[in-house]
Amino acid sequence: MIVDLNLSGKNVLVVGAGHEAERKVEALLSQGCEIIVVAEIPSERIHQLWVAGKIRVKEVAVTGGGFLDYFDRLALVMAVTDDREVNRKIVDAARKRSIPAYAADDPEISDFSHPAVINLYDTVQIAISTGGRSPLMAKIIREKAEIIFRKIIQRGHVLQIRLQELLRKEAQAILPTPDARKKFLEAVLKDEAIRKLLDEERIEEAAQLALKQLREECSHKI
């Protein structure tokens, strides 16, 4: 089962600093979580992200999972070292602490598999998963599918998503029922004036117009 975890504001630990660790970190950057990388020698890319303040790094040699006690409120642990046995020890240690964990190339002991992800504008994520059976094939399928999805999902769609996110909060405060909120958001989706503003990337003006319509509609009902 593929799920989309809410990691916003939570701590995620990535153990390792090779190519696989870089991929996991890159996938986490858009999730709003605190990313902590544990590795004896960070790679150049990991170091760049560290210097830029996008992640934290703990430089230490890892041989087991005891180091997990040094970190609080871990929501997820990803063991992606080059040592399969070390990865297993880290997963075992995380499991004893009731922390979901993943080991690279070892789906049998992992609590979840990590899909190949198509990330569009840091807003739309499309997961390609083989359930851990073949990460290589998941990667190949992702590369083929990404070409298609980048043609289908355009910038205007992404701006509509961001607009709907803004409006949902306002609608929840004004409209009393889920059906009323759904009807309003569907009307926004079809509104030609709002769509034109989004095509011109004038999202703030689009939001103001939609909110004006929402308040006018509510005032008419009172």
N, C-alpha and C. Protein backbone atom coordinates (compact mmCIF):
# COMPACT_ATOMS: atom_id res chain seq x y z
N MET A 1 0.85 -1.18 0.00
CA MET A 1 0.00 0.00 0.00
C MET A 1 0.89 1.24 0.00
N ILE A 2 0.64 2.15 -0.95
CA ILE A 2 1.40 3.40 -1.00
C ILE A 2 0.66 4.44 -0.18
N VAL A 3 1.37 5.08 0.75
CA VAL A 3 0.79 6.15 1.56
C VAL A 3 1.68 7.39 1.45
N ASP A 4 1.08 8.53 1.69
CA ASP A 4 1.82 9.79 1.65
C ASP A 4 1.94 10.29 3.08
N LEU A 5 3.09 10.08 3.70
CA LEU A 5 3.28 10.43 5.10
C LEU A 5 3.33 11.94 5.29
N ASN A 6 2.72 12.40 6.37
CA ASN A 6 2.84 13.81 6.73
C ASN A 6 4.07 13.97 7.62
N LEU A 7 5.17 14.45 7.02
CA LEU A 7 6.42 14.60 7.75
C LEU A 7 6.70 16.05 8.13
N SER A 8 5.77 16.93 7.85
CA SER A 8 5.98 18.35 8.11
C SER A 8 6.29 18.60 9.59
N GLY A 9 7.41 19.28 9.84
CA GLY A 9 7.79 19.62 11.20
C GLY A 9 8.39 18.48 12.00
N LYS A 10 8.59 17.32 11.37
CA LYS A 10 9.10 16.15 12.08
C LYS A 10 10.56 15.88 11.72
N ASN A 11 11.22 15.08 12.53
CA ASN A 11 12.63 14.74 12.31
C ASN A 11 12.76 13.43 11.55
N VAL A 12 13.55 13.45 10.49
CA VAL A 12 13.81 12.26 9.69
C VAL A 12 15.32 12.04 9.63
N LEU A 13 15.74 10.82 9.91
CA LEU A 13 17.16 10.49 9.95
C LEU A 13 17.56 9.68 8.72
N VAL A 14 18.59 10.13 8.03
CA VAL A 14 19.16 9.40 6.90
C VAL A 14 20.58 9.01 7.28
N VAL A 15 20.84 7.69 7.31
CA VAL A 15 22.15 7.21 7.74
C VAL A 15 22.94 6.76 6.52
N GLY A 16 24.01 7.48 6.22
CA GLY A 16 24.81 7.21 5.04
C GLY A 16 25.00 8.50 4.25
N ALA A 17 25.98 8.52 3.35
CA ALA A 17 26.23 9.75 2.59
C ALA A 17 26.69 9.44 1.18
N GLY A 18 26.29 8.29 0.64
CA GLY A 18 26.61 7.97 -0.74
C GLY A 18 25.52 8.44 -1.68
N HIS A 19 25.54 7.90 -2.89
CA HIS A 19 24.56 8.31 -3.90
C HIS A 19 23.13 8.02 -3.46
N GLU A 20 22.92 6.85 -2.85
CA GLU A 20 21.57 6.48 -2.41
C GLU A 20 21.07 7.42 -1.32
N ALA A 21 21.96 7.80 -0.40
CA ALA A 21 21.59 8.74 0.66
C ALA A 21 21.23 10.10 0.06
N GLU A 22 21.97 10.53 -0.94
CA GLU A 22 21.68 11.80 -1.61
C GLU A 22 20.28 11.77 -2.21
N ARG A 23 19.92 10.66 -2.84
CA ARG A 23 18.59 10.53 -3.45
C ARG A 23 17.49 10.62 -2.40
N LYS A 24 17.71 9.99 -1.27
CA LYS A 24 16.71 10.03 -0.21
C LYS A 24 16.57 11.45 0.36
N VAL A 25 17.68 12.12 0.54
CA VAL A 25 17.65 13.49 1.05
C VAL A 25 16.93 14.41 0.07
N GLU A 26 17.25 14.28 -1.21
CA GLU A 26 16.59 15.11 -2.23
C GLU A 26 15.08 14.89 -2.22
N ALA A 27 14.66 13.65 -2.02
CA ALA A 27 13.23 13.34 -1.99
C ALA A 27 12.55 13.96 -0.77
N LEU A 28 13.29 14.15 0.31
CA LEU A 28 12.73 14.68 1.55
C LEU A 28 12.70 16.21 1.60
N LEU A 29 13.46 16.86 0.73
CA LEU A 29 13.60 18.31 0.82
C LEU A 29 12.28 19.06 0.67
N SER A 30 11.35 18.48 -0.07
CA SER A 30 10.07 19.17 -0.29
C SER A 30 9.01 18.80 0.75
N GLN A 31 9.39 18.03 1.78
CA GLN A 31 8.40 17.51 2.73
C GLN A 31 8.25 18.36 3.99
N GLY A 32 9.03 19.42 4.11
CA GLY A 32 8.90 20.30 5.26
C GLY A 32 9.39 19.70 6.57
N CYS A 33 10.21 18.67 6.49
CA CYS A 33 10.71 18.00 7.69
C CYS A 33 12.15 18.43 8.00
N GLU A 34 12.58 18.15 9.21
CA GLU A 34 13.96 18.38 9.62
C GLU A 34 14.77 17.15 9.21
N ILE A 35 15.70 17.31 8.29
CA ILE A 35 16.48 16.19 7.76
C ILE A 35 17.83 16.16 8.47
N ILE A 36 18.12 15.01 9.06
CA ILE A 36 19.40 14.82 9.76
C ILE A 36 20.15 13.69 9.08
N VAL A 37 21.35 13.98 8.60
CA VAL A 37 22.18 12.96 7.95
C VAL A 37 23.29 12.55 8.90
N VAL A 38 23.44 11.25 9.10
CA VAL A 38 24.51 10.72 9.94
C VAL A 38 25.48 9.96 9.04
N ALA A 39 26.73 10.40 9.00
CA ALA A 39 27.74 9.76 8.15
C ALA A 39 29.12 10.16 8.63
N GLU A 40 30.07 9.26 8.42
CA GLU A 40 31.45 9.57 8.82
C GLU A 40 32.03 10.67 7.94
N ILE A 41 31.82 10.56 6.63
CA ILE A 41 32.33 11.56 5.68
C ILE A 41 31.19 11.95 4.74
N PRO A 42 30.60 13.13 4.89
CA PRO A 42 29.51 13.54 4.00
C PRO A 42 30.01 13.70 2.56
N SER A 43 29.15 13.34 1.62
CA SER A 43 29.49 13.54 0.21
C SER A 43 29.46 15.04 -0.11
N GLU A 44 29.94 15.40 -1.28
CA GLU A 44 29.98 16.82 -1.66
C GLU A 44 28.59 17.43 -1.67
N ARG A 45 27.60 16.68 -2.22
CA ARG A 45 26.23 17.19 -2.29
C ARG A 45 25.63 17.33 -0.90
N ILE A 46 25.85 16.35 -0.04
CA ILE A 46 25.35 16.42 1.33
C ILE A 46 25.97 17.62 2.04
N HIS A 47 27.25 17.83 1.82
CA HIS A 47 27.94 18.96 2.45
C HIS A 47 27.38 20.29 1.95
N GLN A 48 27.08 20.38 0.66
CA GLN A 48 26.49 21.61 0.11
C GLN A 48 25.15 21.94 0.76
N LEU A 49 24.31 20.92 0.91
CA LEU A 49 23.01 21.13 1.53
C LEU A 49 23.16 21.52 3.00
N TRP A 50 24.17 20.96 3.64
CA TRP A 50 24.47 21.29 5.04
C TRP A 50 24.86 22.75 5.17
N VAL A 51 25.79 23.18 4.35
CA VAL A 51 26.26 24.56 4.38
C VAL A 51 25.12 25.53 4.06
N ALA A 52 24.23 25.11 3.17
CA ALA A 52 23.09 25.95 2.79
C ALA A 52 22.01 26.00 3.86
N GLY A 53 22.18 25.20 4.91
CA GLY A 53 21.22 25.21 6.01
C GLY A 53 19.96 24.42 5.74
N LYS A 54 19.98 23.57 4.71
CA LYS A 54 18.78 22.80 4.37
C LYS A 54 18.68 21.49 5.13
N ILE A 55 19.81 21.00 5.65
CA ILE A 55 19.83 19.77 6.43
C ILE A 55 20.81 19.93 7.58
N ARG A 56 20.74 18.99 8.52
CA ARG A 56 21.75 18.90 9.57
C ARG A 56 22.59 17.66 9.32
N VAL A 57 23.84 17.71 9.74
CA VAL A 57 24.73 16.56 9.55
C VAL A 57 25.44 16.25 10.86
N LYS A 58 25.48 14.95 11.20
CA LYS A 58 26.25 14.46 12.34
C LYS A 58 27.36 13.58 11.79
N GLU A 59 28.60 14.02 11.91
CA GLU A 59 29.74 13.28 11.36
C GLU A 59 30.22 12.26 12.38
N VAL A 60 29.87 11.00 12.12
CA VAL A 60 30.26 9.93 13.03
C VAL A 60 30.25 8.61 12.26
N ALA A 61 31.16 7.73 12.59
CA ALA A 61 31.18 6.39 11.99
C ALA A 61 30.08 5.55 12.64
N VAL A 62 29.28 4.88 11.81
CA VAL A 62 28.15 4.10 12.31
C VAL A 62 28.46 2.61 12.16
N THR A 63 28.33 1.88 13.25
CA THR A 63 28.52 0.43 13.21
C THR A 63 27.30 -0.33 13.71
N GLY A 64 26.37 0.40 14.31
CA GLY A 64 25.14 -0.22 14.83
C GLY A 64 24.07 0.82 14.99
N GLY A 65 23.06 0.53 15.83
CA GLY A 65 21.95 1.45 15.96
C GLY A 65 21.86 2.18 17.28
N GLY A 66 22.86 2.01 18.15
CA GLY A 66 22.80 2.65 19.46
C GLY A 66 22.77 4.17 19.40
N PHE A 67 23.31 4.75 18.32
CA PHE A 67 23.38 6.20 18.20
C PHE A 67 21.99 6.84 18.10
N LEU A 68 20.95 6.06 17.83
CA LEU A 68 19.61 6.62 17.72
C LEU A 68 19.15 7.30 19.01
N ASP A 69 19.72 6.89 20.13
CA ASP A 69 19.33 7.48 21.42
C ASP A 69 19.71 8.95 21.52
N TYR A 70 20.59 9.42 20.65
CA TYR A 70 21.02 10.81 20.69
C TYR A 70 20.04 11.75 19.99
N PHE A 71 19.01 11.20 19.36
CA PHE A 71 18.07 12.02 18.60
C PHE A 71 16.66 11.89 19.16
N ASP A 72 15.99 13.02 19.26
CA ASP A 72 14.63 13.05 19.80
C ASP A 72 13.60 13.13 18.69
N ARG A 73 12.40 12.62 18.95
CA ARG A 73 11.23 12.78 18.10
C ARG A 73 11.47 12.35 16.65
N LEU A 74 12.14 11.24 16.47
CA LEU A 74 12.36 10.74 15.11
C LEU A 74 11.08 10.12 14.57
N ALA A 75 10.67 10.58 13.38
CA ALA A 75 9.46 10.04 12.76
C ALA A 75 9.79 8.94 11.78
N LEU A 76 11.05 8.90 11.31
CA LEU A 76 11.43 7.98 10.25
C LEU A 76 12.95 7.81 10.26
N VAL A 77 13.40 6.59 9.98
CA VAL A 77 14.84 6.33 9.85
C VAL A 77 15.09 5.61 8.54
N MET A 78 16.04 6.12 7.76
CA MET A 78 16.43 5.48 6.51
C MET A 78 17.90 5.07 6.59
N ALA A 79 18.13 3.77 6.56
CA ALA A 79 19.49 3.23 6.63
C ALA A 79 19.98 2.96 5.21
N VAL A 80 20.87 3.78 4.71
CA VAL A 80 21.33 3.67 3.32
C VAL A 80 22.86 3.69 3.25
N THR A 81 23.49 2.98 4.17
CA THR A 81 24.94 2.84 4.11
C THR A 81 25.28 1.77 3.07
N ASP A 82 26.56 1.59 2.82
CA ASP A 82 27.01 0.56 1.87
C ASP A 82 27.14 -0.81 2.53
N ASP A 83 26.86 -0.87 3.83
CA ASP A 83 27.02 -2.11 4.59
C ASP A 83 25.64 -2.67 4.93
N ARG A 84 25.29 -3.80 4.31
CA ARG A 84 23.96 -4.39 4.51
C ARG A 84 23.73 -4.77 5.96
N GLU A 85 24.75 -5.30 6.63
CA GLU A 85 24.60 -5.73 8.02
C GLU A 85 24.37 -4.52 8.93
N VAL A 86 25.08 -3.43 8.67
CA VAL A 86 24.88 -2.21 9.46
C VAL A 86 23.46 -1.68 9.26
N ASN A 87 23.00 -1.69 8.03
CA ASN A 87 21.63 -1.25 7.76
C ASN A 87 20.62 -2.06 8.55
N ARG A 88 20.85 -3.37 8.61
CA ARG A 88 19.93 -4.24 9.37
C ARG A 88 19.95 -3.88 10.86
N LYS A 89 21.12 -3.62 11.39
CA LYS A 89 21.22 -3.26 12.81
C LYS A 89 20.49 -1.95 13.10
N ILE A 90 20.60 -1.01 12.17
CA ILE A 90 19.92 0.28 12.35
C ILE A 90 18.41 0.10 12.34
N VAL A 91 17.91 -0.71 11.40
CA VAL A 91 16.47 -0.97 11.32
C VAL A 91 15.98 -1.67 12.58
N ASP A 92 16.73 -2.65 13.06
CA ASP A 92 16.36 -3.36 14.28
C ASP A 92 16.29 -2.40 15.47
N ALA A 93 17.28 -1.50 15.55
CA ALA A 93 17.31 -0.54 16.66
C ALA A 93 16.14 0.43 16.57
N ALA A 94 15.82 0.86 15.35
CA ALA A 94 14.68 1.78 15.17
C ALA A 94 13.38 1.09 15.56
N ARG A 95 13.23 -0.16 15.14
CA ARG A 95 12.00 -0.90 15.44
C ARG A 95 11.81 -1.06 16.95
N LYS A 96 12.89 -1.30 17.68
CA LYS A 96 12.81 -1.42 19.14
C LYS A 96 12.35 -0.12 19.78
N ARG A 97 12.59 0.98 19.09
CA ARG A 97 12.19 2.31 19.59
C ARG A 97 10.87 2.77 18.95
N SER A 98 10.20 1.84 18.26
CA SER A 98 8.90 2.12 17.62
C SER A 98 8.99 3.23 16.57
N ILE A 99 10.11 3.24 15.83
CA ILE A 99 10.30 4.20 14.75
C ILE A 99 10.27 3.45 13.43
N PRO A 100 9.40 3.80 12.49
CA PRO A 100 9.39 3.16 11.18
C PRO A 100 10.76 3.32 10.50
N ALA A 101 11.24 2.23 9.89
CA ALA A 101 12.59 2.27 9.33
C ALA A 101 12.66 1.57 7.98
N TYR A 102 13.66 1.97 7.21
CA TYR A 102 13.86 1.46 5.85
C TYR A 102 15.35 1.14 5.68
N ALA A 103 15.63 0.00 5.06
CA ALA A 103 17.00 -0.37 4.74
C ALA A 103 17.15 -0.49 3.23
N ALA A 104 18.16 0.16 2.68
CA ALA A 104 18.38 0.11 1.25
C ALA A 104 18.63 -1.32 0.79
N ASP A 105 18.00 -1.72 -0.32
CA ASP A 105 18.18 -3.04 -0.92
C ASP A 105 17.86 -4.18 0.04
N ASP A 106 16.98 -3.94 1.01
CA ASP A 106 16.64 -5.00 1.97
C ASP A 106 15.16 -4.89 2.35
N PRO A 107 14.25 -5.09 1.37
CA PRO A 107 12.82 -4.90 1.65
C PRO A 107 12.26 -5.86 2.68
N GLU A 108 12.91 -7.02 2.85
CA GLU A 108 12.38 -8.02 3.78
C GLU A 108 12.33 -7.52 5.22
N ILE A 109 13.25 -6.67 5.59
CA ILE A 109 13.28 -6.19 6.98
C ILE A 109 12.77 -4.77 7.11
N SER A 110 12.49 -4.11 6.00
CA SER A 110 12.04 -2.72 6.05
C SER A 110 10.56 -2.64 6.40
N ASP A 111 10.18 -1.55 7.07
CA ASP A 111 8.77 -1.32 7.39
C ASP A 111 8.00 -0.77 6.20
N PHE A 112 8.71 -0.29 5.20
CA PHE A 112 8.08 0.24 4.00
C PHE A 112 9.10 0.20 2.87
N SER A 113 8.60 0.29 1.65
CA SER A 113 9.50 0.43 0.50
C SER A 113 9.52 1.89 0.08
N HIS A 114 10.59 2.32 -0.52
CA HIS A 114 10.71 3.72 -0.92
C HIS A 114 10.54 3.80 -2.42
N PRO A 115 9.43 4.39 -2.89
CA PRO A 115 9.17 4.40 -4.32
C PRO A 115 10.05 5.40 -5.06
N ALA A 116 10.15 5.20 -6.37
CA ALA A 116 10.77 6.21 -7.23
C ALA A 116 9.73 7.30 -7.42
N VAL A 117 10.12 8.56 -7.19
CA VAL A 117 9.15 9.65 -7.15
C VAL A 117 9.40 10.66 -8.26
N ILE A 118 8.32 11.02 -8.94
CA ILE A 118 8.35 12.12 -9.89
C ILE A 118 7.89 13.36 -9.13
N ASN A 119 8.74 14.36 -9.02
CA ASN A 119 8.44 15.57 -8.26
C ASN A 119 8.23 16.72 -9.25
N LEU A 120 7.00 17.22 -9.33
CA LEU A 120 6.69 18.30 -10.25
C LEU A 120 6.46 19.59 -9.48
N TYR A 121 7.35 20.54 -9.65
CA TYR A 121 7.24 21.88 -9.05
C TYR A 121 7.16 21.83 -7.53
N ASP A 122 7.69 20.79 -6.91
CA ASP A 122 7.62 20.63 -5.46
C ASP A 122 6.18 20.69 -4.95
N THR A 123 5.23 20.31 -5.79
CA THR A 123 3.81 20.36 -5.41
C THR A 123 3.11 19.04 -5.69
N VAL A 124 3.39 18.44 -6.83
CA VAL A 124 2.78 17.16 -7.20
C VAL A 124 3.85 16.07 -7.15
N GLN A 125 3.58 15.03 -6.38
CA GLN A 125 4.49 13.88 -6.32
C GLN A 125 3.76 12.64 -6.83
N ILE A 126 4.39 11.94 -7.76
CA ILE A 126 3.82 10.72 -8.32
C ILE A 126 4.78 9.58 -8.01
N ALA A 127 4.30 8.57 -7.31
CA ALA A 127 5.16 7.47 -6.86
C ALA A 127 5.07 6.28 -7.80
N ILE A 128 6.23 5.72 -8.13
CA ILE A 128 6.31 4.48 -8.91
C ILE A 128 6.95 3.44 -7.99
N SER A 129 6.20 2.39 -7.68
CA SER A 129 6.70 1.40 -6.74
C SER A 129 6.57 -0.01 -7.29
N THR A 130 7.58 -0.82 -7.03
CA THR A 130 7.50 -2.25 -7.31
C THR A 130 7.42 -3.04 -6.00
N GLY A 131 7.09 -2.35 -4.92
CA GLY A 131 7.01 -3.01 -3.62
C GLY A 131 8.35 -3.53 -3.13
N GLY A 132 9.44 -2.88 -3.58
CA GLY A 132 10.78 -3.30 -3.18
C GLY A 132 11.34 -4.43 -4.01
N ARG A 133 10.57 -4.95 -4.97
CA ARG A 133 11.03 -6.09 -5.76
C ARG A 133 12.16 -5.71 -6.72
N SER A 134 12.08 -4.51 -7.28
CA SER A 134 13.11 -4.08 -8.23
C SER A 134 13.22 -2.56 -8.26
N PRO A 135 14.03 -1.97 -7.37
CA PRO A 135 14.24 -0.52 -7.40
C PRO A 135 14.76 -0.05 -8.76
N LEU A 136 15.54 -0.88 -9.44
CA LEU A 136 16.07 -0.50 -10.75
C LEU A 136 14.94 -0.30 -11.75
N MET A 137 13.98 -1.23 -11.78
CA MET A 137 12.87 -1.10 -12.72
C MET A 137 11.96 0.07 -12.34
N ALA A 138 11.80 0.31 -11.05
CA ALA A 138 11.01 1.47 -10.62
C ALA A 138 11.64 2.75 -11.15
N LYS A 139 12.97 2.81 -11.12
CA LYS A 139 13.69 3.98 -11.62
C LYS A 139 13.49 4.14 -13.13
N ILE A 140 13.60 3.03 -13.86
CA ILE A 140 13.44 3.08 -15.31
C ILE A 140 12.03 3.52 -15.69
N ILE A 141 11.02 2.96 -15.00
CA ILE A 141 9.63 3.34 -15.28
C ILE A 141 9.39 4.80 -14.92
N ARG A 142 9.97 5.24 -13.80
CA ARG A 142 9.83 6.65 -13.41
C ARG A 142 10.37 7.58 -14.49
N GLU A 143 11.54 7.26 -15.04
CA GLU A 143 12.14 8.11 -16.06
C GLU A 143 11.25 8.20 -17.31
N LYS A 144 10.64 7.08 -17.68
CA LYS A 144 9.74 7.08 -18.84
C LYS A 144 8.45 7.84 -18.54
N ALA A 145 7.90 7.60 -17.34
CA ALA A 145 6.63 8.23 -16.98
C ALA A 145 6.79 9.74 -16.78
N GLU A 146 7.94 10.17 -16.31
CA GLU A 146 8.14 11.59 -16.03
C GLU A 146 8.01 12.43 -17.31
N ILE A 147 8.49 11.91 -18.41
CA ILE A 147 8.39 12.62 -19.70
C ILE A 147 6.92 12.90 -20.02
N ILE A 148 6.07 11.90 -19.78
CA ILE A 148 4.64 12.03 -20.09
C ILE A 148 3.96 12.99 -19.11
N PHE A 149 4.23 12.81 -17.81
CA PHE A 149 3.55 13.63 -16.82
C PHE A 149 3.94 15.10 -16.90
N ARG A 150 5.16 15.38 -17.32
CA ARG A 150 5.57 16.79 -17.47
C ARG A 150 4.83 17.47 -18.62
N LYS A 151 4.34 16.69 -19.55
CA LYS A 151 3.52 17.25 -20.63
C LYS A 151 2.08 17.42 -20.18
N ILE A 152 1.60 16.51 -19.35
CA ILE A 152 0.20 16.53 -18.91
C ILE A 152 -0.04 17.58 -17.83
N ILE A 153 0.86 17.61 -16.83
CA ILE A 153 0.69 18.51 -15.69
C ILE A 153 1.52 19.76 -15.93
N GLN A 154 0.83 20.86 -16.14
CA GLN A 154 1.48 22.11 -16.50
C GLN A 154 1.52 23.07 -15.32
N ARG A 155 2.20 24.19 -15.53
CA ARG A 155 2.37 25.18 -14.47
C ARG A 155 1.01 25.68 -13.95
N GLY A 156 0.04 25.84 -14.85
CA GLY A 156 -1.27 26.32 -14.44
C GLY A 156 -1.96 25.38 -13.48
N HIS A 157 -1.78 24.07 -13.68
CA HIS A 157 -2.37 23.10 -12.76
C HIS A 157 -1.78 23.25 -11.35
N VAL A 158 -0.48 23.47 -11.30
CA VAL A 158 0.20 23.61 -10.01
C VAL A 158 -0.28 24.86 -9.28
N LEU A 159 -0.43 25.96 -10.02
CA LEU A 159 -0.91 27.20 -9.41
C LEU A 159 -2.35 27.02 -8.91
N GLN A 160 -3.16 26.25 -9.63
CA GLN A 160 -4.52 25.97 -9.18
C GLN A 160 -4.51 25.18 -7.86
N ILE A 161 -3.57 24.25 -7.74
CA ILE A 161 -3.44 23.48 -6.49
C ILE A 161 -3.11 24.42 -5.33
N ARG A 162 -2.16 25.33 -5.56
CA ARG A 162 -1.76 26.26 -4.49
C ARG A 162 -2.89 27.21 -4.15
N LEU A 163 -3.65 27.63 -5.17
CA LEU A 163 -4.79 28.49 -4.91
C LEU A 163 -5.85 27.76 -4.09
N GLN A 164 -6.15 26.52 -4.47
CA GLN A 164 -7.15 25.74 -3.75
C GLN A 164 -6.73 25.52 -2.29
N GLU A 165 -5.44 25.35 -2.07
CA GLU A 165 -4.95 25.19 -0.69
C GLU A 165 -5.25 26.45 0.13
N LEU A 166 -5.00 27.62 -0.46
CA LEU A 166 -5.28 28.88 0.22
C LEU A 166 -6.77 29.04 0.51
N LEU A 167 -7.58 28.71 -0.48
CA LEU A 167 -9.01 28.93 -0.36
C LEU A 167 -9.71 27.95 0.58
N ARG A 168 -9.18 26.72 0.67
CA ARG A 168 -9.80 25.72 1.54
C ARG A 168 -9.86 26.22 2.98
N LYS A 169 -8.78 26.86 3.44
CA LYS A 169 -8.73 27.36 4.82
C LYS A 169 -9.76 28.46 5.05
N GLU A 170 -9.88 29.35 4.07
CA GLU A 170 -10.86 30.42 4.18
C GLU A 170 -12.28 29.85 4.13
N ALA A 171 -12.49 28.91 3.22
CA ALA A 171 -13.82 28.32 3.06
C ALA A 171 -14.26 27.57 4.31
N GLN A 172 -13.31 26.92 4.98
CA GLN A 172 -13.65 26.18 6.20
C GLN A 172 -14.15 27.12 7.30
N ALA A 173 -13.64 28.35 7.29
CA ALA A 173 -14.04 29.32 8.32
C ALA A 173 -15.39 29.97 8.01
N ILE A 174 -15.80 29.92 6.73
CA ILE A 174 -17.01 30.65 6.31
C ILE A 174 -18.16 29.73 5.96
N LEU A 175 -17.88 28.67 5.22
CA LEU A 175 -18.94 27.78 4.75
C LEU A 175 -19.17 26.66 5.76
N PRO A 176 -20.42 26.36 6.09
CA PRO A 176 -20.71 25.47 7.21
C PRO A 176 -20.55 23.98 6.92
N THR A 177 -20.66 23.55 5.66
CA THR A 177 -20.68 22.11 5.38
C THR A 177 -19.62 21.74 4.34
N PRO A 178 -19.18 20.48 4.35
CA PRO A 178 -18.24 20.01 3.32
C PRO A 178 -18.79 20.15 1.91
N ASP A 179 -20.10 19.91 1.73
CA ASP A 179 -20.70 20.03 0.41
C ASP A 179 -20.64 21.47 -0.10
N ALA A 180 -20.88 22.42 0.78
CA ALA A 180 -20.82 23.83 0.39
C ALA A 180 -19.40 24.23 0.00
N ARG A 181 -18.44 23.73 0.76
CA ARG A 181 -17.04 24.05 0.45
C ARG A 181 -16.62 23.42 -0.87
N LYS A 182 -17.05 22.19 -1.10
CA LYS A 182 -16.72 21.51 -2.34
C LYS A 182 -17.32 22.25 -3.54
N LYS A 183 -18.56 22.69 -3.40
CA LYS A 183 -19.23 23.42 -4.48
C LYS A 183 -18.49 24.72 -4.80
N PHE A 184 -18.05 25.42 -3.76
CA PHE A 184 -17.30 26.67 -3.96
C PHE A 184 -15.98 26.41 -4.68
N LEU A 185 -15.23 25.41 -4.25
CA LEU A 185 -13.92 25.12 -4.85
C LEU A 185 -14.07 24.65 -6.29
N GLU A 186 -15.13 23.91 -6.58
CA GLU A 186 -15.38 23.49 -7.96
C GLU A 186 -15.70 24.71 -8.84
N ALA A 187 -16.44 25.68 -8.28
CA ALA A 187 -16.75 26.90 -9.02
C ALA A 187 -15.48 27.69 -9.32
N VAL A 188 -14.57 27.73 -8.36
CA VAL A 188 -13.29 28.42 -8.57
C VAL A 188 -12.52 27.74 -9.70
N LEU A 189 -12.55 26.43 -9.72
CA LEU A 189 -11.84 25.66 -10.74
C LEU A 189 -12.33 25.99 -12.14
N LYS A 190 -13.62 26.27 -12.27
CA LYS A 190 -14.23 26.52 -13.58
C LYS A 190 -14.27 28.00 -13.96
N ASP A 191 -13.97 28.87 -13.04
CA ASP A 191 -14.10 30.31 -13.27
C ASP A 191 -13.05 30.79 -14.29
N GLU A 192 -13.51 31.36 -15.40
CA GLU A 192 -12.62 31.78 -16.47
C GLU A 192 -11.71 32.94 -16.06
N ALA A 193 -12.24 33.89 -15.30
CA ALA A 193 -11.44 35.04 -14.88
C ALA A 193 -10.30 34.61 -13.96
N ILE A 194 -10.61 33.70 -13.05
CA ILE A 194 -9.58 33.18 -12.14
C ILE A 194 -8.55 32.37 -12.91
N ARG A 195 -9.03 31.56 -13.84
CA ARG A 195 -8.12 30.75 -14.65
C ARG A 195 -7.17 31.63 -15.46
N LYS A 196 -7.68 32.75 -15.99
CA LYS A 196 -6.85 33.66 -16.77
C LYS A 196 -5.74 34.27 -15.90
N LEU A 197 -6.10 34.64 -14.68
CA LEU A 197 -5.10 35.19 -13.76
C LEU A 197 -4.01 34.16 -13.44
N LEU A 198 -4.42 32.91 -13.28
CA LEU A 198 -3.45 31.86 -12.99
C LEU A 198 -2.54 31.62 -14.20
N ASP A 199 -3.12 31.68 -15.41
CA ASP A 199 -2.30 31.52 -16.62
C ASP A 199 -1.22 32.60 -16.69
N GLU A 200 -1.53 33.76 -16.12
CA GLU A 200 -0.57 34.87 -16.09
C GLU A 200 0.27 34.86 -14.82
N GLU A 201 0.10 33.78 -14.01
CA GLU A 201 0.83 33.57 -12.75
C GLU A 201 0.59 34.69 -11.75
N ARG A 202 -0.62 35.21 -11.74
CA ARG A 202 -1.03 36.26 -10.79
C ARG A 202 -1.89 35.61 -9.71
N ILE A 203 -1.26 34.75 -8.93
CA ILE A 203 -2.00 33.91 -7.99
C ILE A 203 -2.62 34.72 -6.86
N GLU A 204 -1.96 35.78 -6.40
CA GLU A 204 -2.52 36.59 -5.31
C GLU A 204 -3.80 37.28 -5.77
N GLU A 205 -3.80 37.79 -7.00
CA GLU A 205 -5.00 38.44 -7.53
C GLU A 205 -6.13 37.42 -7.73
N ALA A 206 -5.75 36.21 -8.16
CA ALA A 206 -6.73 35.15 -8.32
C ALA A 206 -7.37 34.80 -6.97
N ALA A 207 -6.56 34.74 -5.93
CA ALA A 207 -7.07 34.44 -4.59
C ALA A 207 -8.00 35.54 -4.09
N GLN A 208 -7.61 36.78 -4.34
CA GLN A 208 -8.45 37.91 -3.90
C GLN A 208 -9.80 37.89 -4.60
N LEU A 209 -9.80 37.59 -5.91
CA LEU A 209 -11.05 37.52 -6.67
C LEU A 209 -11.94 36.40 -6.15
N ALA A 210 -11.35 35.24 -5.89
CA ALA A 210 -12.12 34.10 -5.39
C ALA A 210 -12.70 34.39 -4.01
N LEU A 211 -11.92 35.02 -3.14
CA LEU A 211 -12.41 35.34 -1.80
C LEU A 211 -13.52 36.38 -1.84
N LYS A 212 -13.39 37.32 -2.77
CA LYS A 212 -14.44 38.32 -2.94
C LYS A 212 -15.75 37.64 -3.34
N GLN A 213 -15.66 36.68 -4.26
CA GLN A 213 -16.85 35.95 -4.69
C GLN A 213 -17.44 35.15 -3.53
N LEU A 214 -16.57 34.55 -2.73
CA LEU A 214 -17.03 33.75 -1.59
C LEU A 214 -17.79 34.63 -0.59
N ARG A 215 -17.25 35.80 -0.28
CA ARG A 215 -17.89 36.68 0.71
C ARG A 215 -19.18 37.27 0.19
N GLU A 216 -19.20 37.58 -1.11
CA GLU A 216 -20.43 38.11 -1.71
C GLU A 216 -21.54 37.07 -1.67
N GLU A 217 -21.17 35.81 -1.98
CA GLU A 217 -22.16 34.74 -1.96
C GLU A 217 -22.71 34.53 -0.55
N CYS A 218 -21.85 34.59 0.43
CA CYS A 218 -22.29 34.40 1.81
C CYS A 218 -23.17 35.55 2.28
N SER A 219 -22.85 36.77 1.88
CA SER A 219 -23.63 37.93 2.28
C SER A 219 -25.03 37.88 1.67
N HIS A 220 -25.16 37.33 0.48
CA HIS A 220 -26.46 37.21 -0.18
C HIS A 220 -27.35 36.22 0.54
N LYS A 221 -26.74 35.23 1.20
CA LYS A 221 -27.52 34.19 1.87
C LYS A 221 -27.98 34.60 3.26
N ILE A 222 -27.33 35.64 3.78
CA ILE A 222 -27.69 36.08 5.13
C ILE A 222 -28.99 36.89 5.13
